[in-house]
């Protein structure tokens, strides 16, 4: 990597994309929320700072040098399609776009297969599109594979459906593997 290239070791904000409310709880489209919830549990954050528009908290994670660093966790609670609006205020707190990871569901990857990349397009994902509109495209993307239905016309119902029995039985492992990509 070039000097001054973005690095995951500089991450200060991890955002999970999803939709609030019981109807969407543990649906494919809420994979980003599930990753944030797993980080919350793994690092024993004390509590969520909640309001109607977002939930935030901070976690303290160990660094390879034996030190610790603080990372903000964010779950926008106004719906997937306007997620970016709640990320933008963190720029005013001194967090740069390249210090942000946005976690979300990815139709083009098989269930449980994740990848992380720096920058890129929304690829049809409205939550990512909203983020790009608000802060540009120079942020990290953690794409959690949810698979794709056989018919394109089924995508809307598919992403808002719950994971199948087999997927449900392996979801915790798949989320742990996704978190490993963050270097945490």
Protein backbone atom coordinates (compact mmCIF):
# COMPACT_ATOMS: atom_id res chain seq x y z
CA UNK A 1 0.00 0.00 0.00
CA UNK A 2 1.19 3.50 -0.78
CA UNK A 3 2.06 5.86 2.03
CA UNK A 4 -1.04 7.78 3.11
CA UNK A 5 -3.30 5.15 1.55
CA UNK A 6 -6.47 4.45 3.50
CA UNK A 7 -6.01 1.73 6.08
CA UNK A 8 -8.47 -0.24 8.18
CA UNK A 9 -6.25 0.47 11.19
CA UNK A 10 -7.42 4.10 10.96
CA UNK A 11 -11.14 3.30 11.19
CA UNK A 12 -13.09 5.55 13.57
CA UNK A 13 -16.71 4.84 12.54
CA UNK A 14 -18.47 1.61 11.57
CA UNK A 15 -21.98 2.00 10.20
CA UNK A 16 -24.51 -0.79 9.79
CA UNK A 17 -27.23 -0.28 7.21
CA UNK A 18 -30.68 -1.64 7.86
CA UNK A 19 -34.30 -0.83 8.55
CA UNK A 20 -35.65 -0.24 12.06
CA UNK A 21 -38.56 -2.03 13.66
CA UNK A 22 -39.68 -5.57 14.41
CA UNK A 23 -40.89 -6.21 10.86
CA UNK A 24 -37.31 -6.01 9.57
CA UNK A 25 -35.52 -7.59 12.52
CA UNK A 26 -33.10 -10.30 11.31
CA UNK A 27 -34.03 -9.93 7.65
CA UNK A 28 -31.44 -10.16 4.90
CA UNK A 29 -31.55 -6.40 4.33
CA UNK A 30 -30.56 -5.85 7.97
CA UNK A 31 -27.24 -7.69 7.75
CA UNK A 32 -25.48 -4.38 8.46
CA UNK A 33 -27.42 -3.93 11.70
CA UNK A 34 -26.59 -7.52 12.66
CA UNK A 35 -22.86 -6.87 12.22
CA UNK A 36 -23.06 -3.73 14.39
CA UNK A 37 -25.02 -5.63 17.05
CA UNK A 38 -22.36 -8.36 17.07
CA UNK A 39 -19.60 -5.75 17.54
CA UNK A 40 -21.61 -4.17 20.34
CA UNK A 41 -21.82 -7.52 22.12
CA UNK A 42 -18.21 -8.59 21.40
CA UNK A 43 -16.72 -5.41 22.82
CA UNK A 44 -19.17 -5.08 25.70
CA UNK A 45 -20.25 -1.57 24.97
CA UNK A 46 -22.15 -0.17 27.91
CA UNK A 47 -25.25 1.04 26.11
CA UNK A 48 -26.68 2.61 23.00
CA UNK A 49 -27.20 6.35 22.85
CA UNK A 50 -30.59 6.27 21.19
CA UNK A 51 -32.97 8.69 19.59
CA UNK A 52 -35.57 8.37 16.86
CA UNK A 53 -33.05 8.92 14.07
CA UNK A 54 -30.03 6.82 15.04
CA UNK A 55 -28.42 4.62 17.64
CA UNK A 56 -24.76 5.23 18.44
CA UNK A 57 -22.23 3.86 20.87
CA UNK A 58 -18.49 3.55 21.19
CA UNK A 59 -16.37 0.44 21.55
CA UNK A 60 -12.78 0.17 22.67
CA UNK A 61 -10.75 -2.31 20.64
CA UNK A 62 -7.20 -3.58 21.11
CA UNK A 63 -4.54 -2.62 18.59
CA UNK A 64 -1.61 -4.84 17.57
CA UNK A 65 0.80 -2.59 19.51
CA UNK A 66 -1.04 -3.41 22.74
CA UNK A 67 -2.75 -0.04 22.80
CA UNK A 68 -6.46 0.56 22.46
CA UNK A 69 -8.54 2.73 20.19
CA UNK A 70 -12.11 3.95 20.25
CA UNK A 71 -14.48 3.29 17.38
CA UNK A 72 -17.98 4.72 17.00
CA UNK A 73 -20.79 2.36 15.98
CA UNK A 74 -23.83 3.77 14.17
CA UNK A 75 -27.20 2.33 13.20
CA UNK A 76 -29.30 4.87 11.26
CA UNK A 77 -32.92 4.35 12.36
CA UNK A 78 -34.79 6.29 9.67
CA UNK A 79 -34.66 3.58 7.02
CA UNK A 80 -32.16 2.23 4.57
CA UNK A 81 -32.75 4.74 1.79
CA UNK A 82 -31.69 7.82 3.80
CA UNK A 83 -28.85 6.30 5.84
CA UNK A 84 -26.21 8.71 4.56
CA UNK A 85 -27.87 11.70 6.22
CA UNK A 86 -26.87 10.30 9.63
CA UNK A 87 -23.29 9.54 8.61
CA UNK A 88 -22.47 13.05 7.36
CA UNK A 89 -22.47 14.72 10.83
CA UNK A 90 -19.50 12.54 11.83
CA UNK A 91 -17.42 14.44 9.27
CA UNK A 92 -17.97 17.57 11.38
CA UNK A 93 -16.52 15.65 14.34
CA UNK A 94 -13.26 15.24 12.43
CA UNK A 95 -13.83 11.75 11.04
CA UNK A 96 -12.76 11.51 7.40
CA UNK A 97 -14.67 9.38 4.86
CA UNK A 98 -11.67 7.03 4.54
CA UNK A 99 -12.01 6.33 8.30
CA UNK A 100 -15.54 5.01 7.85
CA UNK A 101 -16.72 1.45 7.13
CA UNK A 102 -20.29 0.92 5.92
CA UNK A 103 -21.61 -2.64 6.44
CA UNK A 104 -24.49 -3.85 4.29
CA UNK A 105 -26.15 -6.79 2.54
CA UNK A 106 -24.87 -7.81 -0.89
CA UNK A 107 -27.05 -9.71 -3.39
CA UNK A 108 -24.16 -10.58 -5.68
CA UNK A 109 -22.31 -12.69 -3.11
CA UNK A 110 -23.40 -16.09 -1.82
CA UNK A 111 -24.86 -16.19 1.67
CA UNK A 112 -22.27 -15.59 4.36
CA UNK A 113 -19.43 -14.69 2.00
CA UNK A 114 -18.17 -11.21 2.74
CA UNK A 115 -15.62 -8.86 1.27
CA UNK A 116 -14.27 -5.49 2.14
CA UNK A 117 -13.19 -2.89 -0.37
CA UNK A 118 -12.29 0.76 -0.40
CA UNK A 119 -14.44 3.05 -2.51
CA UNK A 120 -16.73 2.02 -5.31
CA UNK A 121 -20.25 2.45 -6.56
CA UNK A 122 -23.55 1.71 -4.86
CA UNK A 123 -24.24 -1.20 -7.26
CA UNK A 124 -27.98 -0.61 -6.86
CA UNK A 125 -27.97 -0.54 -3.06
CA UNK A 126 -30.05 2.45 -1.91
CA UNK A 127 -28.37 2.75 1.49
CA UNK A 128 -24.94 2.91 -0.12
CA UNK A 129 -26.26 5.35 -2.73
CA UNK A 130 -27.51 7.62 0.08
CA UNK A 131 -24.10 7.42 1.76
CA UNK A 132 -22.27 8.32 -1.45
CA UNK A 133 -24.63 11.27 -1.99
CA UNK A 134 -23.78 12.58 1.49
CA UNK A 135 -20.05 11.89 1.91
CA UNK A 136 -18.70 10.80 -1.48
CA UNK A 137 -17.40 7.33 -2.36
CA UNK A 138 -14.07 7.34 -0.49
CA UNK A 139 -15.13 5.05 2.37
CA UNK A 140 -14.75 1.35 3.15
CA UNK A 141 -17.54 -1.04 2.20
CA UNK A 142 -18.08 -4.33 4.04
CA UNK A 143 -20.37 -6.32 1.78
CA UNK A 144 -22.11 -9.26 3.51
CA UNK A 145 -23.37 -11.84 1.02
CA UNK A 146 -27.05 -12.71 1.20
CA UNK A 147 -27.34 -14.51 -2.15
CA UNK A 148 -29.79 -13.70 -4.90
CA UNK A 149 -33.24 -15.08 -5.69
CA UNK A 150 -33.74 -16.94 -8.97
CA UNK A 151 -35.97 -14.23 -10.44
CA UNK A 152 -35.07 -10.54 -10.54
CA UNK A 153 -38.71 -9.67 -9.80
CA UNK A 154 -38.34 -11.39 -6.39
CA UNK A 155 -35.48 -9.21 -5.13
CA UNK A 156 -37.66 -6.80 -3.10
CA UNK A 157 -39.41 -9.58 -1.18
CA UNK A 158 -36.19 -11.58 -0.89
CA UNK A 159 -34.12 -8.88 0.82
CA UNK A 160 -36.93 -8.18 3.27
CA UNK A 161 -37.37 -11.87 4.15
CA UNK A 162 -35.77 -13.67 7.07
CA UNK A 163 -32.84 -16.00 6.60
CA UNK A 164 -33.68 -19.65 5.90
CA UNK A 165 -33.26 -22.33 8.57
CA UNK A 166 -29.81 -23.37 7.32
CA UNK A 167 -28.72 -19.74 6.98
CA UNK A 168 -30.06 -18.99 10.46
CA UNK A 169 -27.99 -21.82 11.93
CA UNK A 170 -24.75 -20.43 10.45
CA UNK A 171 -25.39 -16.68 10.59
CA UNK A 172 -23.32 -16.08 13.74
CA UNK A 173 -20.27 -17.71 12.18
CA UNK A 174 -20.74 -15.75 8.94
CA UNK A 175 -21.00 -12.47 10.87
CA UNK A 176 -17.86 -13.32 12.89
CA UNK A 177 -16.01 -13.96 9.61
CA UNK A 178 -17.19 -10.59 8.27
CA UNK A 179 -15.97 -8.84 11.43
CA UNK A 180 -12.58 -10.54 11.02
CA UNK A 181 -12.20 -8.66 7.71
CA UNK A 182 -12.20 -5.43 9.75
CA UNK A 183 -9.11 -6.59 11.62
CA UNK A 184 -10.97 -6.56 14.95
